[in-house]
Amino acid sequence: MTNLDGRLQGMSFQHPLGTDQLGRDVLTRLLLGGQQTIGL
Protein backbone atom coordinates (compact mmCIF):
# COMPACT_ATOMS: atom_id res chain seq x y z
CA MET A 1 0.00 0.00 0.00
CA THR A 2 1.40 3.39 -0.92
CA ASN A 3 1.39 6.48 1.25
CA LEU A 4 2.75 9.41 -0.74
CA ASP A 5 2.54 11.70 2.30
CA GLY A 6 5.05 9.46 4.12
CA ARG A 7 7.58 8.94 1.33
CA LEU A 8 11.33 9.01 1.90
CA GLN A 9 11.10 9.34 5.67
CA GLY A 10 14.20 8.63 7.68
CA MET A 11 14.53 6.03 10.41
CA SER A 12 12.02 6.25 13.25
CA PHE A 13 10.37 4.03 15.83
CA GLN A 14 7.46 3.41 13.45
CA HIS A 15 9.72 2.79 10.41
CA PRO A 16 13.09 1.42 11.64
CA LEU A 17 14.66 1.53 8.15
CA GLY A 18 12.61 4.45 6.84
CA THR A 19 10.27 4.49 3.86
CA ASP A 20 10.79 4.28 0.11
CA GLN A 21 9.73 6.72 -2.61
CA LEU A 22 6.14 5.44 -2.46
CA GLY A 23 5.88 5.66 1.34
CA ARG A 24 6.19 1.91 1.97
CA ASP A 25 8.04 0.63 5.03
CA VAL A 26 11.47 -0.66 3.92
CA LEU A 27 11.88 -3.21 6.75
CA THR A 28 8.51 -4.81 6.00
CA ARG A 29 9.33 -5.05 2.30
CA LEU A 30 12.70 -6.68 3.10
CA LEU A 31 11.12 -9.23 5.42
CA LEU A 32 8.34 -10.15 3.01
CA GLY A 33 10.78 -10.37 0.08
CA GLY A 34 13.10 -12.58 2.14
CA GLN A 35 10.22 -14.89 3.02
CA GLN A 36 9.37 -15.36 -0.63
CA THR A 37 13.01 -15.88 -1.56
CA ILE A 38 13.60 -18.71 0.91
CA GLY A 39 10.14 -20.18 0.36
CA LEU A 40 8.44 -19.84 3.75
PDB file of N, CA and C in Angstrom:
ATOM      1  N   MET A   1       0.840  -1.169   0.000  1.00  0.00           N
ATOM      2  CA  MET A   1       0.000   0.000   0.000  1.00  0.00           C
ATOM      3  C   MET A   1       0.890   1.239   0.000  1.00  0.00           C
ATOM      4  N   THR A   2       0.591   2.173  -0.836  1.00  0.00           N
ATOM      5  CA  THR A   2       1.395   3.386  -0.923  1.00  0.00           C
ATOM      6  C   THR A   2       0.840   4.481  -0.020  1.00  0.00           C
ATOM      7  N   ASN A   3       1.736   5.344   0.408  1.00  0.00           N
ATOM      8  CA  ASN A   3       1.394   6.478   1.252  1.00  0.00           C
ATOM      9  C   ASN A   3       2.304   7.624   0.830  1.00  0.00           C
ATOM     10  N   LEU A   4       1.897   8.364  -0.185  1.00  0.00           N
ATOM     11  CA  LEU A   4       2.754   9.408  -0.737  1.00  0.00           C
ATOM     12  C   LEU A   4       3.082  10.509   0.260  1.00  0.00           C
ATOM     13  N   ASP A   5       2.251  10.706   1.267  1.00  0.00           N
ATOM     14  CA  ASP A   5       2.540  11.702   2.295  1.00  0.00           C
ATOM     15  C   ASP A   5       3.735  11.270   3.158  1.00  0.00           C
ATOM     16  N   GLY A   6       3.977   9.967   3.260  1.00  0.00           N
ATOM     17  CA  GLY A   6       5.048   9.456   4.116  1.00  0.00           C
ATOM     18  C   GLY A   6       6.260   8.982   3.349  1.00  0.00           C
ATOM     19  N   ARG A   7       6.461   9.448   2.133  1.00  0.00           N
ATOM     20  CA  ARG A   7       7.578   8.937   1.333  1.00  0.00           C
ATOM     21  C   ARG A   7       8.918   9.509   1.786  1.00  0.00           C
ATOM     22  N   LEU A   8       9.931   8.668   1.618  1.00  0.00           N
ATOM     23  CA  LEU A   8      11.328   9.007   1.902  1.00  0.00           C
ATOM     24  C   LEU A   8      11.562   9.549   3.302  1.00  0.00           C
ATOM     25  N   GLN A   9      10.860   8.963   4.279  1.00  0.00           N
ATOM     26  CA  GLN A   9      11.100   9.337   5.670  1.00  0.00           C
ATOM     27  C   GLN A   9      12.342   8.614   6.163  1.00  0.00           C
ATOM     28  N   GLY A  10      13.032   9.247   7.072  1.00  0.00           N
ATOM     29  CA  GLY A  10      14.205   8.628   7.677  1.00  0.00           C
ATOM     30  C   GLY A  10      13.798   7.595   8.717  1.00  0.00           C
ATOM     31  N   MET A  11      14.790   7.042   9.391  1.00  0.00           N
ATOM     32  CA  MET A  11      14.532   6.034  10.407  1.00  0.00           C
ATOM     33  C   MET A  11      13.738   6.638  11.560  1.00  0.00           C
ATOM     34  N   SER A  12      12.819   5.838  12.093  1.00  0.00           N
ATOM     35  CA  SER A  12      12.021   6.250  13.246  1.00  0.00           C
ATOM     36  C   SER A  12      11.556   4.998  13.970  1.00  0.00           C
ATOM     37  N   PHE A  13      10.890   5.182  15.099  1.00  0.00           N
ATOM     38  CA  PHE A  13      10.368   4.029  15.828  1.00  0.00           C
ATOM     39  C   PHE A  13       9.331   3.287  14.988  1.00  0.00           C
ATOM     40  N   GLN A  14       8.516   4.025  14.266  1.00  0.00           N
ATOM     41  CA  GLN A  14       7.462   3.414  13.449  1.00  0.00           C
ATOM     42  C   GLN A  14       8.035   2.758  12.192  1.00  0.00           C
ATOM     43  N   HIS A  15       9.092   3.322  11.625  1.00  0.00           N
ATOM     44  CA  HIS A  15       9.723   2.793  10.410  1.00  0.00           C
ATOM     45  C   HIS A  15      11.230   2.680  10.663  1.00  0.00           C
ATOM     46  N   PRO A  16      11.683   1.554  11.237  1.00  0.00           N
ATOM     47  CA  PRO A  16      13.088   1.422  11.645  1.00  0.00           C
ATOM     48  C   PRO A  16      14.101   1.635  10.509  1.00  0.00           C
ATOM     49  N   LEU A  17      13.759   1.306   9.278  1.00  0.00           N
ATOM     50  CA  LEU A  17      14.665   1.532   8.149  1.00  0.00           C
ATOM     51  C   LEU A  17      14.171   2.629   7.227  1.00  0.00           C
ATOM     52  N   GLY A  18      13.155   3.364   7.644  1.00  0.00           N
ATOM     53  CA  GLY A  18      12.613   4.450   6.838  1.00  0.00           C
ATOM     54  C   GLY A  18      11.592   3.955   5.826  1.00  0.00           C
ATOM     55  N   THR A  19      11.247   4.829   4.899  1.00  0.00           N
ATOM     56  CA  THR A  19      10.268   4.495   3.860  1.00  0.00           C
ATOM     57  C   THR A  19      10.870   4.746   2.482  1.00  0.00           C
ATOM     58  N   ASP A  20      10.297   4.104   1.477  1.00  0.00           N
ATOM     59  CA  ASP A  20      10.785   4.279   0.110  1.00  0.00           C
ATOM     60  C   ASP A  20      10.072   5.433  -0.579  1.00  0.00           C
ATOM     61  N   GLN A  21      10.294   5.587  -1.883  1.00  0.00           N
ATOM     62  CA  GLN A  21       9.727   6.722  -2.614  1.00  0.00           C
ATOM     63  C   GLN A  21       8.211   6.666  -2.759  1.00  0.00           C
ATOM     64  N   LEU A  22       7.598   5.537  -2.433  1.00  0.00           N
ATOM     65  CA  LEU A  22       6.144   5.436  -2.461  1.00  0.00           C
ATOM     66  C   LEU A  22       5.542   5.392  -1.057  1.00  0.00           C
ATOM     67  N   GLY A  23       6.365   5.607  -0.035  1.00  0.00           N
ATOM     68  CA  GLY A  23       5.882   5.660   1.341  1.00  0.00           C
ATOM     69  C   GLY A  23       5.722   4.299   1.998  1.00  0.00           C
ATOM     70  N   ARG A  24       6.297   3.257   1.399  1.00  0.00           N
ATOM     71  CA  ARG A  24       6.185   1.909   1.967  1.00  0.00           C
ATOM     72  C   ARG A  24       7.329   1.659   2.939  1.00  0.00           C
ATOM     73  N   ASP A  25       7.045   0.935   4.006  1.00  0.00           N
ATOM     74  CA  ASP A  25       8.041   0.629   5.027  1.00  0.00           C
ATOM     75  C   ASP A  25       9.107  -0.310   4.449  1.00  0.00           C
ATOM     76  N   VAL A  26      10.376   0.100   4.524  1.00  0.00           N
ATOM     77  CA  VAL A  26      11.471  -0.663   3.918  1.00  0.00           C
ATOM     78  C   VAL A  26      11.695  -1.979   4.660  1.00  0.00           C
ATOM     79  N   LEU A  27      11.652  -1.974   5.991  1.00  0.00           N
ATOM     80  CA  LEU A  27      11.877  -3.207   6.752  1.00  0.00           C
ATOM     81  C   LEU A  27      10.828  -4.256   6.410  1.00  0.00           C
ATOM     82  N   THR A  28       9.580  -3.870   6.343  1.00  0.00           N
ATOM     83  CA  THR A  28       8.508  -4.812   6.002  1.00  0.00           C
ATOM     84  C   THR A  28       8.720  -5.400   4.615  1.00  0.00           C
ATOM     85  N   ARG A  29       9.103  -4.571   3.674  1.00  0.00           N
ATOM     86  CA  ARG A  29       9.332  -5.052   2.305  1.00  0.00           C
ATOM     87  C   ARG A  29      10.507  -6.026   2.257  1.00  0.00           C
ATOM     88  N   LEU A  30      11.567  -5.755   3.046  1.00  0.00           N
ATOM     89  CA  LEU A  30      12.703  -6.679   3.095  1.00  0.00           C
ATOM     90  C   LEU A  30      12.311  -8.028   3.687  1.00  0.00           C
ATOM     91  N   LEU A  31      11.538  -7.979   4.774  1.00  0.00           N
ATOM     92  CA  LEU A  31      11.122  -9.230   5.423  1.00  0.00           C
ATOM     93  C   LEU A  31      10.222 -10.058   4.529  1.00  0.00           C
ATOM     94  N   LEU A  32       9.257  -9.418   3.885  1.00  0.00           N
ATOM     95  CA  LEU A  32       8.341 -10.146   3.007  1.00  0.00           C
ATOM     96  C   LEU A  32       9.074 -10.691   1.779  1.00  0.00           C
ATOM     97  N   GLY A  33       9.987  -9.906   1.228  1.00  0.00           N
ATOM     98  CA  GLY A  33      10.781 -10.373   0.081  1.00  0.00           C
ATOM     99  C   GLY A  33      11.674 -11.547   0.465  1.00  0.00           C
ATOM    100  N   GLY A  34      12.260 -11.479   1.660  1.00  0.00           N
ATOM    101  CA  GLY A  34      13.101 -12.584   2.137  1.00  0.00           C
ATOM    102  C   GLY A  34      12.316 -13.848   2.341  1.00  0.00           C
ATOM    103  N   GLN A  35      11.102 -13.730   2.849  1.00  0.00           N
ATOM    104  CA  GLN A  35      10.224 -14.895   3.022  1.00  0.00           C
ATOM    105  C   GLN A  35       9.961 -15.579   1.688  1.00  0.00           C
ATOM    106  N   GLN A  36       9.647 -14.799   0.690  1.00  0.00           N
ATOM    107  CA  GLN A  36       9.366 -15.360  -0.627  1.00  0.00           C
ATOM    108  C   GLN A  36      10.608 -15.979  -1.233  1.00  0.00           C
ATOM    109  N   THR A  37      11.765 -15.373  -0.982  1.00  0.00           N
ATOM    110  CA  THR A  37      13.009 -15.877  -1.557  1.00  0.00           C
ATOM    111  C   THR A  37      13.380 -17.242  -0.992  1.00  0.00           C
ATOM    112  N   ILE A  38      13.226 -17.421   0.324  1.00  0.00           N
ATOM    113  CA  ILE A  38      13.597 -18.709   0.912  1.00  0.00           C
ATOM    114  C   ILE A  38      12.438 -19.692   0.971  1.00  0.00           C
ATOM    115  N   GLY A  39      11.265 -19.268   0.519  1.00  0.00           N
ATOM    116  CA  GLY A  39      10.145 -20.181   0.365  1.00  0.00           C
ATOM    117  C   GLY A  39       9.370 -20.513   1.626  1.00  0.00           C
ATOM    118  N   LEU A  40       9.223 -19.575   2.535  1.00  0.00           N
ATOM    119  CA  LEU A  40       8.437 -19.844   3.748  1.00  0.00           C
ATOM    120  C   LEU A  40       6.978 -19.563   3.517  1.00  0.00           C
TER     121      LEU A  40
END
